[in-house]
C-alpha atoms as a PDB file:
ATOM      1  CA  MET A   1      44.201  14.270   7.699  1.00  0.00           C
ATOM      2  CA  ILE A   2      41.035  16.335   7.254  1.00  0.00           C
ATOM      3  CA  GLN A   3      41.120  15.713   3.496  1.00  0.00           C
ATOM      4  CA  ASN A   4      41.548  11.963   4.036  1.00  0.00           C
ATOM      5  CA  SER A   5      38.639  11.981   6.471  1.00  0.00           C
ATOM      6  CA  LYS A   6      36.428  13.732   3.909  1.00  0.00           C
ATOM      7  CA  ILE A   7      37.414  11.225   1.240  1.00  0.00           C
ATOM      8  CA  LYS A   8      36.606   8.326   3.566  1.00  0.00           C
ATOM      9  CA  ASN A   9      33.188   9.817   4.349  1.00  0.00           C
ATOM     10  CA  ILE A  10      32.453  10.337   0.660  1.00  0.00           C
ATOM     11  CA  LEU A  11      33.481   6.762  -0.142  1.00  0.00           C
ATOM     12  CA  LYS A  12      31.328   5.504   2.716  1.00  0.00           C
ATOM     13  CA  LEU A  13      28.318   7.438   1.412  1.00  0.00           C
ATOM     14  CA  LEU A  14      28.930   6.168  -2.109  1.00  0.00           C
ATOM     15  CA  ASN A  15      29.077   2.612  -0.783  1.00  0.00           C
ATOM     16  CA  ILE A  16      25.818   3.079   1.140  1.00  0.00           C
ATOM     17  CA  ASN A  17      24.140   4.539  -1.947  1.00  0.00           C
ATOM     18  CA  GLN A  18      25.375   1.605  -4.015  1.00  0.00           C
ATOM     19  CA  GLU A  19      24.016  -0.849  -1.448  1.00  0.00           C
ATOM     20  CA  ASN A  20      20.674   0.975  -1.432  1.00  0.00           C
ATOM     21  CA  LEU A  21      20.518   0.878  -5.224  1.00  0.00           C
ATOM     22  CA  SER A  22      21.332  -2.830  -5.167  1.00  0.00           C
ATOM     23  CA  LEU A  23      18.633  -3.468  -2.555  1.00  0.00           C
ATOM     24  CA  GLU A  24      16.122  -1.453  -4.573  1.00  0.00           C
ATOM     25  CA  GLU A  25      16.952  -3.485  -7.670  1.00  0.00           C
ATOM     26  CA  ASP A  26      16.589  -6.730  -5.696  1.00  0.00           C
ATOM     27  CA  LEU A  27      13.187  -5.566  -4.435  1.00  0.00           C
ATOM     28  CA  LYS A  28      12.059  -4.813  -7.994  1.00  0.00           C
ATOM     29  CA  ILE A  29      13.089  -8.309  -9.061  1.00  0.00           C
ATOM     30  CA  ALA A  30      11.340  -9.832  -6.032  1.00  0.00           C
ATOM     31  CA  LYS A  31       8.195  -7.822  -6.823  1.00  0.00           C
ATOM     32  CA  ASN A  32       8.200  -9.079 -10.418  1.00  0.00           C
ATOM     33  CA  VAL A  33       8.655 -12.657  -9.213  1.00  0.00           C
ATOM     34  CA  GLN A  34       5.784 -12.294  -6.749  1.00  0.00           C
ATOM     35  CA  GLU A  35       3.537 -10.758  -9.408  1.00  0.00           C
ATOM     36  CA  SER A  36       4.206 -13.773 -11.613  1.00  0.00           C
ATOM     37  CA  LEU A  37       2.765 -16.061  -8.914  1.00  0.00           C
ATOM     38  CA  PHE A  38      -0.688 -14.478  -8.981  1.00  0.00           C
ATOM     39  CA  PRO A  39      -3.315 -15.880 -11.393  1.00  0.00           C
ATOM     40  CA  LYS A  40      -2.806 -14.628 -14.940  1.00  0.00           C
ATOM     41  CA  THR A  41      -6.366 -15.073 -16.147  1.00  0.00           C
ATOM     42  CA  SER A  42      -9.220 -12.675 -15.499  1.00  0.00           C
ATOM     43  CA  THR A  43     -11.818 -15.335 -16.294  1.00  0.00           C
ATOM     44  CA  ILE A  44     -12.721 -18.591 -14.598  1.00  0.00           C
ATOM     45  CA  LYS A  45     -15.484 -20.883 -15.797  1.00  0.00           C
ATOM     46  CA  GLY A  46     -18.562 -20.204 -13.694  1.00  0.00           C
ATOM     47  CA  LEU A  47     -17.074 -17.134 -11.986  1.00  0.00           C
ATOM     48  CA  LYS A  48     -16.347 -13.494 -12.664  1.00  0.00           C
ATOM     49  CA  TYR A  49     -13.896 -11.714 -10.410  1.00  0.00           C
ATOM     50  CA  SER A  50     -12.002  -8.490  -9.792  1.00  0.00           C
ATOM     51  CA  ASP A  51      -9.185  -7.800  -7.327  1.00  0.00           C
ATOM     52  CA  PHE A  52      -7.364  -5.007  -5.459  1.00  0.00           C
ATOM     53  CA  ARG A  53      -3.856  -5.429  -3.998  1.00  0.00           C
ATOM     54  CA  LYS A  54      -1.577  -3.054  -2.133  1.00  0.00           C
ATOM     55  CA  SER A  55       1.579  -4.044  -0.244  1.00  0.00           C
ATOM     56  CA  HIS A  56       2.811  -2.125   2.803  1.00  0.00           C
ATOM     57  CA  SER A  57       6.284  -2.315   1.253  1.00  0.00           C
ATOM     58  CA  GLN A  58       7.057  -3.212  -2.365  1.00  0.00           C
ATOM     59  CA  ILE A  59       6.189  -6.844  -1.696  1.00  0.00           C
ATOM     60  CA  GLY A  60       4.185  -8.568   1.011  1.00  0.00           C
ATOM     61  CA  GLY A  61       2.570 -11.689   2.395  1.00  0.00           C
ATOM     62  CA  ASP A  62      -0.980 -11.308   1.044  1.00  0.00           C
ATOM     63  CA  PHE A  63      -1.652 -13.853  -1.672  1.00  0.00           C
ATOM     64  CA  TYR A  64      -4.490 -15.577  -3.499  1.00  0.00           C
ATOM     65  CA  ASP A  65      -4.753 -18.323  -6.065  1.00  0.00           C
ATOM     66  CA  PHE A  66      -7.256 -20.425  -7.981  1.00  0.00           C
ATOM     67  CA  ILE A  67      -6.999 -24.200  -8.084  1.00  0.00           C
ATOM     68  CA  ARG A  68      -8.525 -25.627 -11.241  1.00  0.00           C
ATOM     69  CA  LEU A  69     -10.105 -28.995 -10.530  1.00  0.00           C
ATOM     70  CA  ARG A  70     -11.759 -31.741 -12.525  1.00  0.00           C
ATOM     71  CA  GLU A  71     -15.208 -31.315 -14.074  1.00  0.00           C
ATOM     72  CA  GLY A  72     -14.715 -27.541 -14.189  1.00  0.00           C
ATOM     73  CA  ASN A  73     -14.801 -27.134 -10.414  1.00  0.00           C
ATOM     74  CA  VAL A  74     -12.505 -24.616  -8.749  1.00  0.00           C
ATOM     75  CA  GLY A  75     -10.819 -23.915  -5.428  1.00  0.00           C
ATOM     76  CA  ILE A  76     -10.327 -20.332  -4.235  1.00  0.00           C
ATOM     77  CA  PHE A  77      -7.510 -19.731  -1.772  1.00  0.00           C
ATOM     78  CA  ILE A  78      -6.554 -16.526   0.054  1.00  0.00           C
ATOM     79  CA  THR A  79      -3.857 -16.180   2.701  1.00  0.00           C
ATOM     80  CA  ASP A  80      -2.189 -13.497   4.811  1.00  0.00           C
ATOM     81  CA  VAL A  81       1.290 -14.446   6.052  1.00  0.00           C
ATOM     82  CA  SER A  82       2.425 -12.821   9.296  1.00  0.00           C
ATOM     83  CA  GLY A  83       4.918  -9.955   9.072  1.00  0.00           C
ATOM     84  CA  HIS A  84       5.822  -7.728   6.138  1.00  0.00           C
ATOM     85  CA  GLY A  85       8.222  -7.530   3.235  1.00  0.00           C
ATOM     86  CA  ILE A  86      10.533 -10.082   1.690  1.00  0.00           C
ATOM     87  CA  SER A  87      10.292 -12.840   4.311  1.00  0.00           C
ATOM     88  CA  SER A  88       6.475 -12.845   4.236  1.00  0.00           C
ATOM     89  CA  ALA A  89       6.461 -12.788   0.432  1.00  0.00           C
ATOM     90  CA  MET A  90       8.845 -15.758   0.333  1.00  0.00           C
ATOM     91  CA  VAL A  91       6.641 -17.780   2.687  1.00  0.00           C
ATOM     92  CA  ALA A  92       3.572 -16.905   0.576  1.00  0.00           C
ATOM     93  CA  ALA A  93       5.427 -18.158  -2.516  1.00  0.00           C
ATOM     94  CA  ILE A  94       6.339 -21.388  -0.752  1.00  0.00           C
ATOM     95  CA  ILE A  95       2.710 -21.840   0.333  1.00  0.00           C
ATOM     96  CA  LYS A  96       1.776 -21.682  -3.363  1.00  0.00           C
ATOM     97  CA  VAL A  97       4.229 -24.527  -3.996  1.00  0.00           C
ATOM     98  CA  MET A  98       2.762 -26.469  -1.051  1.00  0.00           C
ATOM     99  CA  VAL A  99      -0.690 -26.118  -2.604  1.00  0.00           C
ATOM    100  CA  SER A 100       0.490 -27.227  -6.040  1.00  0.00           C
ATOM    101  CA  THR A 101       2.123 -30.375  -4.609  1.00  0.00           C
ATOM    102  CA  MET A 102      -0.724 -31.180  -2.205  1.00  0.00           C
ATOM    103  CA  PRO A 103      -2.529 -34.510  -2.792  1.00  0.00           C
ATOM    104  CA  TYR A 104      -5.428 -33.880  -5.167  1.00  0.00           C
ATOM    105  CA  SER A 105      -8.077 -35.322  -2.837  1.00  0.00           C
ATOM    106  CA  MET A 106      -7.286 -32.675  -0.207  1.00  0.00           C
ATOM    107  CA  LYS A 107      -8.123 -29.915  -2.670  1.00  0.00           C
ATOM    108  CA  LEU A 108     -11.719 -31.189  -2.717  1.00  0.00           C
ATOM    109  CA  HIS A 109     -12.135 -30.884   1.054  1.00  0.00           C
ATOM    110  CA  PRO A 110     -11.468 -27.431   2.575  1.00  0.00           C
ATOM    111  CA  SER A 111     -10.767 -28.724   6.084  1.00  0.00           C
ATOM    112  CA  SER A 112      -8.180 -31.239   4.813  1.00  0.00           C
ATOM    113  CA  PHE A 113      -6.683 -28.512   2.610  1.00  0.00           C
ATOM    114  CA  LEU A 114      -6.054 -26.232   5.609  1.00  0.00           C
ATOM    115  CA  ASP A 115      -4.941 -29.102   7.880  1.00  0.00           C
ATOM    116  CA  TYR A 116      -2.236 -29.955   5.355  1.00  0.00           C
ATOM    117  CA  LEU A 117      -0.952 -26.371   5.210  1.00  0.00           C
ATOM    118  CA  ASP A 118      -1.040 -26.132   9.009  1.00  0.00           C
ATOM    119  CA  GLU A 119       1.224 -29.169   9.342  1.00  0.00           C
ATOM    120  CA  LYS A 120       3.613 -27.983   6.632  1.00  0.00           C
ATOM    121  CA  LEU A 121       3.953 -24.478   8.075  1.00  0.00           C
ATOM    122  CA  LEU A 122       4.475 -25.849  11.574  1.00  0.00           C
ATOM    123  CA  SER A 123       7.243 -28.189  10.432  1.00  0.00           C
ATOM    124  CA  ASP A 124       8.948 -25.871   7.919  1.00  0.00           C
ATOM    125  CA  PHE A 125       8.397 -22.307   9.214  1.00  0.00           C
ATOM    126  CA  GLN A 126       7.952 -22.193  12.961  1.00  0.00           C
ATOM    127  CA  SER A 127       8.520 -18.419  13.003  1.00  0.00           C
ATOM    128  CA  HIS A 128       5.829 -17.666  10.395  1.00  0.00           C
ATOM    129  CA  HIS A 129       2.086 -18.143  10.600  1.00  0.00           C
ATOM    130  CA  ALA A 130      -0.751 -17.394   8.228  1.00  0.00           C
ATOM    131  CA  SER A 131      -4.481 -16.875   8.189  1.00  0.00           C
ATOM    132  CA  ALA A 132      -6.336 -18.386   5.245  1.00  0.00           C
ATOM    133  CA  ILE A 133      -9.670 -19.222   3.673  1.00  0.00           C
ATOM    134  CA  TYR A 134     -10.239 -22.033   1.194  1.00  0.00           C
ATOM    135  CA  ILE A 135     -13.437 -22.273  -0.832  1.00  0.00           C
ATOM    136  CA  TYR A 136     -14.388 -25.291  -2.924  1.00  0.00           C
ATOM    137  CA  VAL A 137     -16.877 -24.374  -5.647  1.00  0.00           C
ATOM    138  CA  ASP A 138     -18.712 -27.327  -7.201  1.00  0.00           C
ATOM    139  CA  ILE A 139     -19.947 -25.923 -10.494  1.00  0.00           C
ATOM    140  CA  LEU A 140     -22.104 -28.965 -11.339  1.00  0.00           C
ATOM    141  CA  LYS A 141     -23.882 -29.178  -7.967  1.00  0.00           C
ATOM    142  CA  ARG A 142     -23.835 -25.379  -7.594  1.00  0.00           C
ATOM    143  CA  SER A 143     -22.554 -25.739  -4.059  1.00  0.00           C
ATOM    144  CA  ILE A 144     -19.884 -24.015  -1.977  1.00  0.00           C
ATOM    145  CA  SER A 145     -17.790 -25.391   0.899  1.00  0.00           C
ATOM    146  CA  ILE A 146     -15.814 -22.958   3.077  1.00  0.00           C
ATOM    147  CA  ALA A 147     -13.101 -23.481   5.684  1.00  0.00           C
ATOM    148  CA  ASN A 148     -11.459 -20.628   7.562  1.00  0.00           C
ATOM    149  CA  ALA A 149      -8.152 -20.619   9.472  1.00  0.00           C
ATOM    150  CA  GLY A 150      -8.207 -17.412  11.513  1.00  0.00           C
ATOM    151  CA  HIS A 151      -8.925 -15.181   8.510  1.00  0.00           C
ATOM    152  CA  PRO A 152     -11.440 -12.295   8.308  1.00  0.00           C
ATOM    153  CA  TYR A 153     -14.849 -13.770   7.589  1.00  0.00           C
ATOM    154  CA  LEU A 154     -15.960 -14.270   4.019  1.00  0.00           C
ATOM    155  CA  VAL A 155     -18.668 -11.759   3.055  1.00  0.00           C
ATOM    156  CA  TYR A 156     -21.529 -13.092   0.932  1.00  0.00           C
ATOM    157  CA  ALA A 157     -24.531 -11.594  -0.814  1.00  0.00           C
ATOM    158  CA  SER A 158     -27.311 -13.602  -2.396  1.00  0.00           C
ATOM    159  CA  LYS A 159     -28.662 -11.819  -5.449  1.00  0.00           C
ATOM    160  CA  ASN A 160     -31.522 -10.094  -3.629  1.00  0.00           C
ATOM    161  CA  GLU A 161     -30.014  -9.957  -0.145  1.00  0.00           C
ATOM    162  CA  PRO A 162     -27.502  -7.634   1.577  1.00  0.00           C
ATOM    163  CA  PHE A 163     -23.858  -8.515   2.057  1.00  0.00           C
ATOM    164  CA  GLN A 164     -23.306 -10.331   5.344  1.00  0.00           C
ATOM    165  CA  GLU A 165     -20.468 -12.169   7.038  1.00  0.00           C
ATOM    166  CA  ILE A 166     -20.442 -15.955   7.033  1.00  0.00           C
ATOM    167  CA  VAL A 167     -19.112 -16.829  10.477  1.00  0.00           C
ATOM    168  CA  THR A 168     -16.584 -19.659  10.259  1.00  0.00           C
ATOM    169  CA  ASP A 169     -14.436 -20.849  13.158  1.00  0.00           C
ATOM    170  CA  GLY A 170     -10.789 -21.688  12.653  1.00  0.00           C
ATOM    171  CA  VAL A 171      -7.249 -21.366  13.994  1.00  0.00           C
ATOM    172  CA  ILE A 172      -4.364 -19.540  12.306  1.00  0.00           C
ATOM    173  CA  LEU A 173      -2.090 -21.875  10.321  1.00  0.00           C
ATOM    174  CA  GLY A 174       1.304 -22.867  11.662  1.00  0.00           C
ATOM    175  CA  PHE A 175       0.491 -23.312  15.346  1.00  0.00           C
ATOM    176  CA  GLY A 176      -0.795 -26.896  15.231  1.00  0.00           C
ATOM    177  CA  ILE A 177      -3.216 -26.001  18.025  1.00  0.00           C
ATOM    178  CA  ARG A 178      -5.983 -28.465  17.287  1.00  0.00           C
ATOM    179  CA  LYS A 179      -7.474 -30.749  14.662  1.00  0.00           C
ATOM    180  CA  PRO A 180      -9.274 -30.030  12.503  1.00  0.00           C
ATOM    181  CA  VAL A 181      -7.922 -26.552  11.888  1.00  0.00           C
ATOM    182  CA  SER A 182     -11.316 -25.383  10.694  1.00  0.00           C
ATOM    183  CA  ASN A 183     -14.953 -26.387  10.610  1.00  0.00           C
ATOM    184  CA  VAL A 184     -16.611 -26.431   7.198  1.00  0.00           C
ATOM    185  CA  ILE A 185     -19.760 -24.621   6.088  1.00  0.00           C
ATOM    186  CA  ASN A 186     -21.660 -25.865   3.028  1.00  0.00           C
ATOM    187  CA  PHE A 187     -24.465 -24.209   1.079  1.00  0.00           C
ATOM    188  CA  THR A 188     -25.880 -23.938  -2.430  1.00  0.00           C
ATOM    189  CA  TYR A 189     -25.570 -20.810  -4.531  1.00  0.00           C
ATOM    190  CA  HIS A 190     -27.518 -19.130  -7.312  1.00  0.00           C
ATOM    191  CA  SER A 191     -26.534 -17.150 -10.374  1.00  0.00           C
ATOM    192  CA  GLY A 192     -25.725 -13.565  -9.430  1.00  0.00           C
ATOM    193  CA  ASP A 193     -24.618 -14.306  -5.860  1.00  0.00           C
ATOM    194  CA  ARG A 194     -21.430 -12.483  -4.838  1.00  0.00           C
ATOM    195  CA  ILE A 195     -18.436 -13.264  -2.617  1.00  0.00           C
ATOM    196  CA  PHE A 196     -16.109 -10.694  -1.058  1.00  0.00           C
ATOM    197  CA  LEU A 197     -12.768 -11.828   0.403  1.00  0.00           C
ATOM    198  CA  TYR A 198     -10.187  -9.568   2.016  1.00  0.00           C
ATOM    199  CA  THR A 199      -7.147  -9.385   4.293  1.00  0.00           C
ATOM    200  CA  ASP A 200      -7.173  -7.589   7.637  1.00  0.00           C
ATOM    201  CA  GLY A 201      -4.973  -4.685   6.502  1.00  0.00           C
ATOM    202  CA  LEU A 202      -8.019  -3.380   4.646  1.00  0.00           C
ATOM    203  CA  VAL A 203      -9.977  -2.691   7.852  1.00  0.00           C
ATOM    204  CA  GLU A 204      -7.365  -2.416  10.627  1.00  0.00           C
ATOM    205  CA  SER A 205      -5.465   0.640   9.374  1.00  0.00           C
ATOM    206  CA  TYR A 206      -6.169   4.103  10.835  1.00  0.00           C
ATOM    207  CA  ASN A 207      -7.530   7.274   9.262  1.00  0.00           C
ATOM    208  CA  PRO A 208      -6.250  10.752  10.280  1.00  0.00           C
ATOM    209  CA  GLN A 209      -8.790  10.796  13.143  1.00  0.00           C
ATOM    210  CA  GLY A 210      -7.310   7.599  14.583  1.00  0.00           C
ATOM    211  CA  GLU A 211     -10.328   5.496  13.591  1.00  0.00           C
ATOM    212  CA  GLN A 212     -10.339   1.998  12.118  1.00  0.00           C
ATOM    213  CA  LEU A 213     -12.798   0.977   9.430  1.00  0.00           C
ATOM    214  CA  ASN A 214     -13.446  -2.457  10.992  1.00  0.00           C
ATOM    215  CA  SER A 215     -15.642  -5.116   9.397  1.00  0.00           C
ATOM    216  CA  GLU A 216     -18.827  -3.171  10.200  1.00  0.00           C
ATOM    217  CA  GLY A 217     -17.649  -0.187   8.153  1.00  0.00           C
ATOM    218  CA  LEU A 218     -16.673  -2.456   5.282  1.00  0.00           C
ATOM    219  CA  LEU A 219     -20.114  -4.087   5.269  1.00  0.00           C
ATOM    220  CA  GLU A 220     -21.693  -0.643   5.178  1.00  0.00           C
ATOM    221  CA  MET A 221     -19.572   0.279   2.148  1.00  0.00           C
ATOM    222  CA  LEU A 222     -20.441  -2.943   0.336  1.00  0.00           C
ATOM    223  CA  ASN A 223     -24.167  -2.629   0.937  1.00  0.00           C
ATOM    224  CA  LYS A 224     -24.134   1.033  -0.087  1.00  0.00           C
ATOM    225  CA  HIS A 225     -23.010  -0.058  -3.563  1.00  0.00           C
ATOM    226  CA  LYS A 226     -24.583  -3.527  -3.673  1.00  0.00           C
ATOM    227  CA  GLU A 227     -26.808  -2.694  -6.650  1.00  0.00           C
ATOM    228  CA  GLU A 228     -23.854  -2.061  -8.976  1.00  0.00           C
ATOM    229  CA  ALA A 229     -24.440  -4.400 -11.908  1.00  0.00           C
ATOM    230  CA  ASP A 230     -20.746  -4.830 -12.717  1.00  0.00           C
ATOM    231  CA  ILE A 231     -18.255  -6.109 -10.127  1.00  0.00           C
ATOM    232  CA  GLY A 232     -15.488  -4.057 -11.751  1.00  0.00           C
ATOM    233  CA  ILE A 233     -17.468  -0.895 -11.022  1.00  0.00           C
ATOM    234  CA  LEU A 234     -18.235  -2.192  -7.522  1.00  0.00           C
ATOM    235  CA  LYS A 235     -14.496  -2.620  -6.956  1.00  0.00           C
ATOM    236  CA  GLU A 236     -13.808   0.966  -8.026  1.00  0.00           C
ATOM    237  CA  GLN A 237     -16.571   2.249  -5.738  1.00  0.00           C
ATOM    238  CA  ILE A 238     -15.067   0.392  -2.760  1.00  0.00           C
ATOM    239  CA  ILE A 239     -11.583   1.740  -3.563  1.00  0.00           C
ATOM    240  CA  PHE A 240     -13.048   5.264  -3.705  1.00  0.00           C
ATOM    241  CA  GLU A 241     -14.775   4.753  -0.335  1.00  0.00           C
ATOM    242  CA  LEU A 242     -11.552   3.418   1.200  1.00  0.00           C
ATOM    243  CA  ASN A 243      -9.615   6.449  -0.042  1.00  0.00           C
ATOM    244  CA  GLU A 244     -12.305   8.736   1.362  1.00  0.00           C
ATOM    245  CA  PHE A 245     -12.112   7.029   4.757  1.00  0.00           C
ATOM    246  CA  TYR A 246      -8.336   6.774   5.088  1.00  0.00           C
ATOM    247  CA  GLY A 247      -7.555  10.136   3.491  1.00  0.00           C
ATOM    248  CA  LYS A 248      -3.816  10.805   3.313  1.00  0.00           C
ATOM    249  CA  ASN A 249      -3.034   7.865   5.583  1.00  0.00           C
ATOM    250  CA  ASP A 250      -1.749   4.695   3.967  1.00  0.00           C
ATOM    251  CA  PHE A 251      -2.506   1.128   4.985  1.00  0.00           C
ATOM    252  CA  ILE A 252      -0.368   0.034   7.960  1.00  0.00           C
ATOM    253  CA  ASP A 253      -0.344  -3.522   6.632  1.00  0.00           C
ATOM    254  CA  ASP A 254      -0.640  -5.311   3.301  1.00  0.00           C
ATOM    255  CA  ALA A 255      -4.212  -4.967   2.018  1.00  0.00           C
ATOM    256  CA  MET A 256      -6.120  -6.968  -0.560  1.00  0.00           C
ATOM    257  CA  PHE A 257      -9.662  -7.790  -1.579  1.00  0.00           C
ATOM    258  CA  LEU A 258     -11.402  -9.903  -4.210  1.00  0.00           C
ATOM    259  CA  ILE A 259     -14.969  -9.717  -5.490  1.00  0.00           C
ATOM    260  CA  PHE A 260     -16.571 -12.713  -7.201  1.00  0.00           C
ATOM    261  CA  GLU A 261     -19.871 -13.104  -8.995  1.00  0.00           C
ATOM    262  CA  LEU A 262     -21.178 -16.630  -9.422  1.00  0.00           C
ATOM    263  CA  GLU A 263     -22.694 -17.419 -12.795  1.00  0.00           C
END
């Protein structure tokens, strides 16, 4: 009896280990699939950019994409799906499909772009919500239009000015609270201006002293290294500062940021 009990326990452990190995393999596949959804190119006409991504688990709900439009114009989209792990990653992937099948005219108008996603999320995924920013960059007119749906504010620096938040009102996608989802801000840009986009996991995690970085701390980091000529070096400086602040603690949520320089 004792021997049979031991055998059963061993078989049970082997089965659990096999299930864990299978789950780990599935997560690796899911991670590879998610990676394939991110933009492949490191260059966009009229823009230079660099990114940082870290998921709380192997995969997550933070996602960004570029929408190439006529006449060389471009849309920049960043979203943070609620929750963690596989379910959030799946919703982020489906949002990418929603964007690709969206009527073209909506991609030219940030408010319409976010209204469309709000309606689709509300009808298809009532248990998931997402914050988002959509930026329409008109290369010919050298103008930018921004709409924000409950996402951390875009941070902007004119060539000879400090980084500062551009305050944009908006409601998280998927609730259908009001129309329009977001107001739109328009302005012209100049060569050398920079844009910094991020998800809230970057500033809402805790260091060993129980402190959060918050948006004020992030702005301080950015302005400390504003004079870096290369955005790739600027990215590395921000990563170093984040590691210094958080120490041994990891992000409690998915975390991502993007730095753009307008040409």
